[in-house]
Amino acid sequence: LDHCGPDFGFITYASALRLWLFGALFVGVATPNLSGLNIWAREGFGFAGLIFLSIAVGVVESSMARLRLLKVPQLLVGAGALSMLAAILVLG
């Protein structure tokens, strides 16, 4: 499990690329239809969405680092309950 040098660089780059790809997909799905705008406005809006998403991910990551270990099961139960609610809403 010990990585260093080029291997670590490839792993870090793959992680950043995955985060960028899923972020771009999320911004593309979450934003309204912008087909009436020109290409520069659409790309600018997408870039602004990615900037906002990166700030949100940074805030969540920094707040989760301070989370006490005893609160993790509560967080998992809450996430499970929200996912069950979302599944019920989608299927119902």
PDB file of N, CA and C in Angstrom:
ATOM      1  N   LEU A   1       0.805  -1.195   0.000  1.00  0.00           N
ATOM      2  CA  LEU A   1       0.000   0.000   0.000  1.00  0.00           C
ATOM      3  C   LEU A   1       0.853   1.266   0.000  1.00  0.00           C
ATOM      4  N   ASP A   2       2.135   1.112  -0.124  1.00  0.00           N
ATOM      5  CA  ASP A   2       3.014   2.263  -0.101  1.00  0.00           C
ATOM      6  C   ASP A   2       3.277   2.721  -1.530  1.00  0.00           C
ATOM      7  N   HIS A   3       2.883   3.948  -1.835  1.00  0.00           N
ATOM      8  CA  HIS A   3       3.089   4.496  -3.169  1.00  0.00           C
ATOM      9  C   HIS A   3       3.966   5.729  -3.068  1.00  0.00           C
ATOM     10  N   CYS A   4       4.850   5.892  -4.025  1.00  0.00           N
ATOM     11  CA  CYS A   4       5.670   7.089  -4.081  1.00  0.00           C
ATOM     12  C   CYS A   4       6.112   7.284  -5.531  1.00  0.00           C
ATOM     13  N   GLY A   5       6.617   8.463  -5.805  1.00  0.00           N
ATOM     14  CA  GLY A   5       7.128   8.751  -7.136  1.00  0.00           C
ATOM     15  C   GLY A   5       6.033   8.828  -8.176  1.00  0.00           C
ATOM     16  N   PRO A   6       6.290   8.295  -9.363  1.00  0.00           N
ATOM     17  CA  PRO A   6       5.308   8.375 -10.460  1.00  0.00           C
ATOM     18  C   PRO A   6       3.995   7.649 -10.155  1.00  0.00           C
ATOM     19  N   ASP A   7       4.052   6.556  -9.422  1.00  0.00           N
ATOM     20  CA  ASP A   7       2.818   5.838  -9.086  1.00  0.00           C
ATOM     21  C   ASP A   7       1.880   6.711  -8.262  1.00  0.00           C
ATOM     22  N   PHE A   8       2.445   7.396  -7.284  1.00  0.00           N
ATOM     23  CA  PHE A   8       1.627   8.287  -6.467  1.00  0.00           C
ATOM     24  C   PHE A   8       1.070   9.442  -7.304  1.00  0.00           C
ATOM     25  N   GLY A   9       1.856   9.939  -8.232  1.00  0.00           N
ATOM     26  CA  GLY A   9       1.387  10.995  -9.126  1.00  0.00           C
ATOM     27  C   GLY A   9       0.225  10.533  -9.981  1.00  0.00           C
ATOM     28  N   PHE A  10       0.304   9.313 -10.506  1.00  0.00           N
ATOM     29  CA  PHE A  10      -0.790   8.778 -11.315  1.00  0.00           C
ATOM     30  C   PHE A  10      -2.051   8.577 -10.475  1.00  0.00           C
ATOM     31  N   ILE A  11      -1.885   8.110  -9.247  1.00  0.00           N
ATOM     32  CA  ILE A  11      -3.037   7.908  -8.367  1.00  0.00           C
ATOM     33  C   ILE A  11      -3.685   9.248  -8.028  1.00  0.00           C
ATOM     34  N   THR A  12      -2.886  10.260  -7.731  1.00  0.00           N
ATOM     35  CA  THR A  12      -3.404  11.588  -7.422  1.00  0.00           C
ATOM     36  C   THR A  12      -4.095  12.197  -8.639  1.00  0.00           C
ATOM     37  N   TYR A  13      -3.494  12.052  -9.805  1.00  0.00           N
ATOM     38  CA  TYR A  13      -4.096  12.590 -11.026  1.00  0.00           C
ATOM     39  C   TYR A  13      -5.406  11.884 -11.344  1.00  0.00           C
ATOM     40  N   ALA A  14      -5.465  10.572 -11.157  1.00  0.00           N
ATOM     41  CA  ALA A  14      -6.702   9.832 -11.408  1.00  0.00           C
ATOM     42  C   ALA A  14      -7.804  10.266 -10.452  1.00  0.00           C
ATOM     43  N   SER A  15      -7.445  10.529  -9.219  1.00  0.00           N
ATOM     44  CA  SER A  15      -8.432  10.996  -8.248  1.00  0.00           C
ATOM     45  C   SER A  15      -8.959  12.375  -8.629  1.00  0.00           C
ATOM     46  N   ALA A  16      -8.070  13.279  -9.033  1.00  0.00           N
ATOM     47  CA  ALA A  16      -8.495  14.616  -9.445  1.00  0.00           C
ATOM     48  C   ALA A  16      -9.347  14.556 -10.711  1.00  0.00           C
ATOM     49  N   LEU A  17      -8.980  13.700 -11.647  1.00  0.00           N
ATOM     50  CA  LEU A  17      -9.740  13.559 -12.885  1.00  0.00           C
ATOM     51  C   LEU A  17     -11.131  12.991 -12.620  1.00  0.00           C
ATOM     52  N   ARG A  18     -11.224  12.036 -11.711  1.00  0.00           N
ATOM     53  CA  ARG A  18     -12.520  11.458 -11.346  1.00  0.00           C
ATOM     54  C   ARG A  18     -13.410  12.510 -10.699  1.00  0.00           C
ATOM     55  N   LEU A  19     -12.843  13.323  -9.784  1.00  0.00           N
ATOM     56  CA  LEU A  19     -13.612  14.364  -9.133  1.00  0.00           C
ATOM     57  C   LEU A  19     -14.077  15.411 -10.143  1.00  0.00           C
ATOM     58  N   TRP A  20     -13.216  15.776 -11.096  1.00  0.00           N
ATOM     59  CA  TRP A  20     -13.602  16.738 -12.124  1.00  0.00           C
ATOM     60  C   TRP A  20     -14.715  16.185 -13.007  1.00  0.00           C
ATOM     61  N   LEU A  21     -14.613  14.917 -13.406  1.00  0.00           N
ATOM     62  CA  LEU A  21     -15.609  14.317 -14.277  1.00  0.00           C
ATOM     63  C   LEU A  21     -16.968  14.230 -13.601  1.00  0.00           C
ATOM     64  N   PHE A  22     -17.002  13.729 -12.366  1.00  0.00           N
ATOM     65  CA  PHE A  22     -18.278  13.635 -11.664  1.00  0.00           C
ATOM     66  C   PHE A  22     -18.827  15.018 -11.325  1.00  0.00           C
ATOM     67  N   GLY A  23     -17.952  15.976 -11.052  1.00  0.00           N
ATOM     68  CA  GLY A  23     -18.402  17.345 -10.813  1.00  0.00           C
ATOM     69  C   GLY A  23     -19.019  17.956 -12.056  1.00  0.00           C
ATOM     70  N   ALA A  24     -18.381  17.738 -13.215  1.00  0.00           N
ATOM     71  CA  ALA A  24     -18.926  18.260 -14.465  1.00  0.00           C
ATOM     72  C   ALA A  24     -20.266  17.603 -14.791  1.00  0.00           C
ATOM     73  N   LEU A  25     -20.388  16.319 -14.536  1.00  0.00           N
ATOM     74  CA  LEU A  25     -21.679  15.647 -14.754  1.00  0.00           C
ATOM     75  C   LEU A  25     -22.752  16.192 -13.821  1.00  0.00           C
ATOM     76  N   PHE A  26     -22.393  16.412 -12.562  1.00  0.00           N
ATOM     77  CA  PHE A  26     -23.352  16.943 -11.594  1.00  0.00           C
ATOM     78  C   PHE A  26     -23.794  18.351 -11.981  1.00  0.00           C
ATOM     79  N   VAL A  27     -22.847  19.200 -12.359  1.00  0.00           N
ATOM     80  CA  VAL A  27     -23.197  20.567 -12.765  1.00  0.00           C
ATOM     81  C   VAL A  27     -24.046  20.540 -14.027  1.00  0.00           C
ATOM     82  N   GLY A  28     -23.737  19.650 -14.951  1.00  0.00           N
ATOM     83  CA  GLY A  28     -24.521  19.547 -16.174  1.00  0.00           C
ATOM     84  C   GLY A  28     -25.940  19.094 -15.931  1.00  0.00           C
ATOM     85  N   VAL A  29     -26.137  18.212 -14.956  1.00  0.00           N
ATOM     86  CA  VAL A  29     -27.478  17.729 -14.650  1.00  0.00           C
ATOM     87  C   VAL A  29     -28.229  18.739 -13.780  1.00  0.00           C
ATOM     88  N   ALA A  30     -27.527  19.401 -12.871  1.00  0.00           N
ATOM     89  CA  ALA A  30     -28.181  20.299 -11.917  1.00  0.00           C
ATOM     90  C   ALA A  30     -28.536  21.651 -12.518  1.00  0.00           C
ATOM     91  N   THR A  31     -27.889  22.060 -13.587  1.00  0.00           N
ATOM     92  CA  THR A  31     -28.180  23.376 -14.165  1.00  0.00           C
ATOM     93  C   THR A  31     -29.339  23.268 -15.152  1.00  0.00           C
ATOM     94  N   PRO A  32     -30.040  24.361 -15.351  1.00  0.00           N
ATOM     95  CA  PRO A  32     -31.153  24.324 -16.308  1.00  0.00           C
ATOM     96  C   PRO A  32     -30.639  24.259 -17.742  1.00  0.00           C
ATOM     97  N   ASN A  33     -31.561  24.094 -18.681  1.00  0.00           N
ATOM     98  CA  ASN A  33     -31.212  24.026 -20.090  1.00  0.00           C
ATOM     99  C   ASN A  33     -30.748  25.408 -20.565  1.00  0.00           C
ATOM    100  N   LEU A  34     -29.516  25.481 -21.025  1.00  0.00           N
ATOM    101  CA  LEU A  34     -28.932  26.758 -21.436  1.00  0.00           C
ATOM    102  C   LEU A  34     -28.712  26.822 -22.942  1.00  0.00           C
ATOM    103  N   SER A  35     -29.559  26.168 -23.710  1.00  0.00           N
ATOM    104  CA  SER A  35     -29.334  26.090 -25.151  1.00  0.00           C
ATOM    105  C   SER A  35     -29.547  27.432 -25.840  1.00  0.00           C
ATOM    106  N   GLY A  36     -30.245  28.367 -25.204  1.00  0.00           N
ATOM    107  CA  GLY A  36     -30.484  29.661 -25.817  1.00  0.00           C
ATOM    108  C   GLY A  36     -29.287  30.597 -25.735  1.00  0.00           C
ATOM    109  N   LEU A  37     -28.319  30.270 -24.913  1.00  0.00           N
ATOM    110  CA  LEU A  37     -27.152  31.133 -24.745  1.00  0.00           C
ATOM    111  C   LEU A  37     -26.051  30.752 -25.725  1.00  0.00           C
ATOM    112  N   ASN A  38     -25.115  31.672 -25.925  1.00  0.00           N
ATOM    113  CA  ASN A  38     -23.991  31.346 -26.800  1.00  0.00           C
ATOM    114  C   ASN A  38     -22.998  30.448 -26.046  1.00  0.00           C
ATOM    115  N   ILE A  39     -22.006  29.945 -26.765  1.00  0.00           N
ATOM    116  CA  ILE A  39     -21.093  28.955 -26.201  1.00  0.00           C
ATOM    117  C   ILE A  39     -20.287  29.517 -25.042  1.00  0.00           C
ATOM    118  N   TRP A  40     -19.908  30.800 -25.118  1.00  0.00           N
ATOM    119  CA  TRP A  40     -19.097  31.390 -24.044  1.00  0.00           C
ATOM    120  C   TRP A  40     -19.893  31.525 -22.757  1.00  0.00           C
ATOM    121  N   ALA A  41     -21.150  31.872 -22.873  1.00  0.00           N
ATOM    122  CA  ALA A  41     -21.983  32.003 -21.676  1.00  0.00           C
ATOM    123  C   ALA A  41     -22.240  30.637 -21.035  1.00  0.00           C
ATOM    124  N   ARG A  42     -22.496  29.623 -21.876  1.00  0.00           N
ATOM    125  CA  ARG A  42     -22.711  28.269 -21.333  1.00  0.00           C
ATOM    126  C   ARG A  42     -21.471  27.745 -20.633  1.00  0.00           C
ATOM    127  N   GLU A  43     -20.301  27.919 -21.279  1.00  0.00           N
ATOM    128  CA  GLU A  43     -19.056  27.442 -20.666  1.00  0.00           C
ATOM    129  C   GLU A  43     -18.719  28.231 -19.408  1.00  0.00           C
ATOM    130  N   GLY A  44     -18.986  29.532 -19.415  1.00  0.00           N
ATOM    131  CA  GLY A  44     -18.761  30.340 -18.218  1.00  0.00           C
ATOM    132  C   GLY A  44     -19.656  29.928 -17.070  1.00  0.00           C
ATOM    133  N   PHE A  45     -20.918  29.614 -17.409  1.00  0.00           N
ATOM    134  CA  PHE A  45     -21.845  29.155 -16.382  1.00  0.00           C
ATOM    135  C   PHE A  45     -21.409  27.804 -15.824  1.00  0.00           C
ATOM    136  N   GLY A  46     -20.947  26.912 -16.692  1.00  0.00           N
ATOM    137  CA  GLY A  46     -20.446  25.614 -16.237  1.00  0.00           C
ATOM    138  C   GLY A  46     -19.199  25.749 -15.384  1.00  0.00           C
ATOM    139  N   PHE A  47     -18.286  26.659 -15.780  1.00  0.00           N
ATOM    140  CA  PHE A  47     -17.081  26.893 -15.003  1.00  0.00           C
ATOM    141  C   PHE A  47     -17.414  27.461 -13.629  1.00  0.00           C
ATOM    142  N   ALA A  48     -18.369  28.398 -13.583  1.00  0.00           N
ATOM    143  CA  ALA A  48     -18.798  28.962 -12.301  1.00  0.00           C
ATOM    144  C   ALA A  48     -19.425  27.884 -11.418  1.00  0.00           C
ATOM    145  N   GLY A  49     -20.180  26.979 -12.030  1.00  0.00           N
ATOM    146  CA  GLY A  49     -20.763  25.869 -11.270  1.00  0.00           C
ATOM    147  C   GLY A  49     -19.696  24.950 -10.700  1.00  0.00           C
ATOM    148  N   LEU A  50     -18.648  24.683 -11.485  1.00  0.00           N
ATOM    149  CA  LEU A  50     -17.556  23.848 -10.983  1.00  0.00           C
ATOM    150  C   LEU A  50     -16.781  24.542  -9.868  1.00  0.00           C
ATOM    151  N   ILE A  51     -16.600  25.848  -9.979  1.00  0.00           N
ATOM    152  CA  ILE A  51     -15.940  26.603  -8.903  1.00  0.00           C
ATOM    153  C   ILE A  51     -16.777  26.527  -7.626  1.00  0.00           C
ATOM    154  N   PHE A  52     -18.084  26.739  -7.749  1.00  0.00           N
ATOM    155  CA  PHE A  52     -18.965  26.641  -6.587  1.00  0.00           C
ATOM    156  C   PHE A  52     -18.936  25.238  -5.984  1.00  0.00           C
ATOM    157  N   LEU A  53     -18.952  24.220  -6.835  1.00  0.00           N
ATOM    158  CA  LEU A  53     -18.912  22.843  -6.357  1.00  0.00           C
ATOM    159  C   LEU A  53     -17.593  22.542  -5.655  1.00  0.00           C
ATOM    160  N   SER A  54     -16.488  23.057  -6.176  1.00  0.00           N
ATOM    161  CA  SER A  54     -15.197  22.804  -5.530  1.00  0.00           C
ATOM    162  C   SER A  54     -15.119  23.485  -4.170  1.00  0.00           C
ATOM    163  N   ILE A  55     -15.705  24.669  -4.037  1.00  0.00           N
ATOM    164  CA  ILE A  55     -15.745  25.330  -2.736  1.00  0.00           C
ATOM    165  C   ILE A  55     -16.611  24.540  -1.757  1.00  0.00           C
ATOM    166  N   ALA A  56     -17.751  24.048  -2.235  1.00  0.00           N
ATOM    167  CA  ALA A  56     -18.628  23.249  -1.378  1.00  0.00           C
ATOM    168  C   ALA A  56     -17.952  21.958  -0.936  1.00  0.00           C
ATOM    169  N   VAL A  57     -17.239  21.294  -1.841  1.00  0.00           N
ATOM    170  CA  VAL A  57     -16.521  20.068  -1.480  1.00  0.00           C
ATOM    171  C   VAL A  57     -15.430  20.372  -0.467  1.00  0.00           C
ATOM    172  N   GLY A  58     -14.737  21.491  -0.635  1.00  0.00           N
ATOM    173  CA  GLY A  58     -13.700  21.877   0.321  1.00  0.00           C
ATOM    174  C   GLY A  58     -14.255  22.147   1.702  1.00  0.00           C
ATOM    175  N   VAL A  59     -15.407  22.810   1.770  1.00  0.00           N
ATOM    176  CA  VAL A  59     -16.025  23.090   3.069  1.00  0.00           C
ATOM    177  C   VAL A  59     -16.473  21.795   3.734  1.00  0.00           C
ATOM    178  N   VAL A  60     -17.088  20.907   2.968  1.00  0.00           N
ATOM    179  CA  VAL A  60     -17.544  19.634   3.543  1.00  0.00           C
ATOM    180  C   VAL A  60     -16.349  18.789   3.995  1.00  0.00           C
ATOM    181  N   GLU A  61     -15.299  18.740   3.191  1.00  0.00           N
ATOM    182  CA  GLU A  61     -14.115  17.954   3.556  1.00  0.00           C
ATOM    183  C   GLU A  61     -13.463  18.495   4.823  1.00  0.00           C
ATOM    184  N   SER A  62     -13.363  19.800   4.952  1.00  0.00           N
ATOM    185  CA  SER A  62     -12.718  20.357   6.141  1.00  0.00           C
ATOM    186  C   SER A  62     -13.587  20.200   7.384  1.00  0.00           C
ATOM    187  N   SER A  63     -14.907  20.227   7.225  1.00  0.00           N
ATOM    188  CA  SER A  63     -15.770  20.021   8.391  1.00  0.00           C
ATOM    189  C   SER A  63     -15.824  18.550   8.786  1.00  0.00           C
ATOM    190  N   MET A  64     -15.729  17.643   7.817  1.00  0.00           N
ATOM    191  CA  MET A  64     -15.746  16.214   8.143  1.00  0.00           C
ATOM    192  C   MET A  64     -14.445  15.770   8.810  1.00  0.00           C
ATOM    193  N   ALA A  65     -13.367  16.481   8.573  1.00  0.00           N
ATOM    194  CA  ALA A  65     -12.102  16.115   9.206  1.00  0.00           C
ATOM    195  C   ALA A  65     -12.158  16.342  10.706  1.00  0.00           C
ATOM    196  N   ARG A  66     -13.013  17.244  11.140  1.00  0.00           N
ATOM    197  CA  ARG A  66     -13.142  17.535  12.565  1.00  0.00           C
ATOM    198  C   ARG A  66     -14.236  16.707  13.228  1.00  0.00           C
ATOM    199  N   LEU A  67     -14.863  15.829  12.493  1.00  0.00           N
ATOM    200  CA  LEU A  67     -15.954  15.020  13.026  1.00  0.00           C
ATOM    201  C   LEU A  67     -15.416  13.998  14.013  1.00  0.00           C
ATOM    202  N   ARG A  68     -16.043  13.902  15.140  1.00  0.00           N
ATOM    203  CA  ARG A  68     -15.612  12.924  16.138  1.00  0.00           C
ATOM    204  C   ARG A  68     -15.997  11.522  15.679  1.00  0.00           C
ATOM    205  N   LEU A  69     -15.175  10.565  16.077  1.00  0.00           N
ATOM    206  CA  LEU A  69     -15.382   9.180  15.645  1.00  0.00           C
ATOM    207  C   LEU A  69     -16.685   8.605  16.185  1.00  0.00           C
ATOM    208  N   LEU A  70     -17.145   9.095  17.310  1.00  0.00           N
ATOM    209  CA  LEU A  70     -18.386   8.584  17.894  1.00  0.00           C
ATOM    210  C   LEU A  70     -19.620   9.045  17.122  1.00  0.00           C
ATOM    211  N   LYS A  71     -19.505  10.105  16.334  1.00  0.00           N
ATOM    212  CA  LYS A  71     -20.646  10.615  15.570  1.00  0.00           C
ATOM    213  C   LYS A  71     -20.767   9.975  14.193  1.00  0.00           C
ATOM    214  N   VAL A  72     -19.794   9.185  13.781  1.00  0.00           N
ATOM    215  CA  VAL A  72     -19.823   8.570  12.452  1.00  0.00           C
ATOM    216  C   VAL A  72     -21.017   7.623  12.286  1.00  0.00           C
ATOM    217  N   PRO A  73     -21.331   6.757  13.267  1.00  0.00           N
ATOM    218  CA  PRO A  73     -22.520   5.901  13.083  1.00  0.00           C
ATOM    219  C   PRO A  73     -23.811   6.701  12.930  1.00  0.00           C
ATOM    220  N   GLN A  74     -23.932   7.814  13.642  1.00  0.00           N
ATOM    221  CA  GLN A  74     -25.124   8.652  13.490  1.00  0.00           C
ATOM    222  C   GLN A  74     -25.198   9.230  12.086  1.00  0.00           C
ATOM    223  N   LEU A  75     -24.050   9.631  11.558  1.00  0.00           N
ATOM    224  CA  LEU A  75     -24.000  10.162  10.195  1.00  0.00           C
ATOM    225  C   LEU A  75     -24.384   9.087   9.179  1.00  0.00           C
ATOM    226  N   LEU A  76     -23.918   7.867   9.390  1.00  0.00           N
ATOM    227  CA  LEU A  76     -24.258   6.776   8.474  1.00  0.00           C
ATOM    228  C   LEU A  76     -25.742   6.423   8.536  1.00  0.00           C
ATOM    229  N   VAL A  77     -26.322   6.430   9.719  1.00  0.00           N
ATOM    230  CA  VAL A  77     -27.759   6.157   9.842  1.00  0.00           C
ATOM    231  C   VAL A  77     -28.566   7.260   9.159  1.00  0.00           C
ATOM    232  N   GLY A  78     -28.156   8.510   9.347  1.00  0.00           N
ATOM    233  CA  GLY A  78     -28.846   9.621   8.682  1.00  0.00           C
ATOM    234  C   GLY A  78     -28.743   9.539   7.174  1.00  0.00           C
ATOM    235  N   ALA A  79     -27.561   9.187   6.671  1.00  0.00           N
ATOM    236  CA  ALA A  79     -27.388   9.046   5.230  1.00  0.00           C
ATOM    237  C   ALA A  79     -28.226   7.890   4.690  1.00  0.00           C
ATOM    238  N   GLY A  80     -28.282   6.796   5.429  1.00  0.00           N
ATOM    239  CA  GLY A  80     -29.114   5.671   5.005  1.00  0.00           C
ATOM    240  C   GLY A  80     -30.590   6.022   4.988  1.00  0.00           C
ATOM    241  N   ALA A  81     -31.043   6.771   5.992  1.00  0.00           N
ATOM    242  CA  ALA A  81     -32.448   7.181   6.036  1.00  0.00           C
ATOM    243  C   ALA A  81     -32.777   8.122   4.887  1.00  0.00           C
ATOM    244  N   LEU A  82     -31.881   9.038   4.581  1.00  0.00           N
ATOM    245  CA  LEU A  82     -32.118   9.947   3.454  1.00  0.00           C
ATOM    246  C   LEU A  82     -32.113   9.207   2.118  1.00  0.00           C
ATOM    247  N   SER A  83     -31.255   8.209   1.991  1.00  0.00           N
ATOM    248  CA  SER A  83     -31.248   7.451   0.737  1.00  0.00           C
ATOM    249  C   SER A  83     -32.514   6.599   0.595  1.00  0.00           C
ATOM    250  N   MET A  84     -33.020   6.063   1.694  1.00  0.00           N
ATOM    251  CA  MET A  84     -34.288   5.317   1.635  1.00  0.00           C
ATOM    252  C   MET A  84     -35.440   6.262   1.268  1.00  0.00           C
ATOM    253  N   LEU A  85     -35.442   7.466   1.832  1.00  0.00           N
ATOM    254  CA  LEU A  85     -36.470   8.438   1.490  1.00  0.00           C
ATOM    255  C   LEU A  85     -36.394   8.812   0.018  1.00  0.00           C
ATOM    256  N   ALA A  86     -35.186   9.000  -0.496  1.00  0.00           N
ATOM    257  CA  ALA A  86     -35.033   9.327  -1.914  1.00  0.00           C
ATOM    258  C   ALA A  86     -35.502   8.181  -2.801  1.00  0.00           C
ATOM    259  N   ALA A  87     -35.197   6.938  -2.412  1.00  0.00           N
ATOM    260  CA  ALA A  87     -35.655   5.784  -3.183  1.00  0.00           C
ATOM    261  C   ALA A  87     -37.180   5.687  -3.178  1.00  0.00           C
ATOM    262  N   ILE A  88     -37.785   5.964  -2.036  1.00  0.00           N
ATOM    263  CA  ILE A  88     -39.252   5.927  -1.954  1.00  0.00           C
ATOM    264  C   ILE A  88     -39.868   7.017  -2.834  1.00  0.00           C
ATOM    265  N   LEU A  89     -39.275   8.210  -2.800  1.00  0.00           N
ATOM    266  CA  LEU A  89     -39.803   9.307  -3.613  1.00  0.00           C
ATOM    267  C   LEU A  89     -39.649   9.033  -5.102  1.00  0.00           C
ATOM    268  N   VAL A  90     -38.530   8.400  -5.486  1.00  0.00           N
ATOM    269  CA  VAL A  90     -38.312   8.125  -6.903  1.00  0.00           C
ATOM    270  C   VAL A  90     -39.227   7.007  -7.392  1.00  0.00           C
ATOM    271  N   LEU A  91     -39.382   5.974  -6.581  1.00  0.00           N
ATOM    272  CA  LEU A  91     -40.195   4.831  -7.000  1.00  0.00           C
ATOM    273  C   LEU A  91     -41.683   5.061  -6.809  1.00  0.00           C
ATOM    274  N   GLY A  92     -42.054   5.979  -5.937  1.00  0.00           N
ATOM    275  CA  GLY A  92     -43.477   6.182  -5.629  1.00  0.00           C
ATOM    276  C   GLY A  92     -44.156   7.212  -6.414  1.00  0.00           C
TER     277      GLY A  92
END
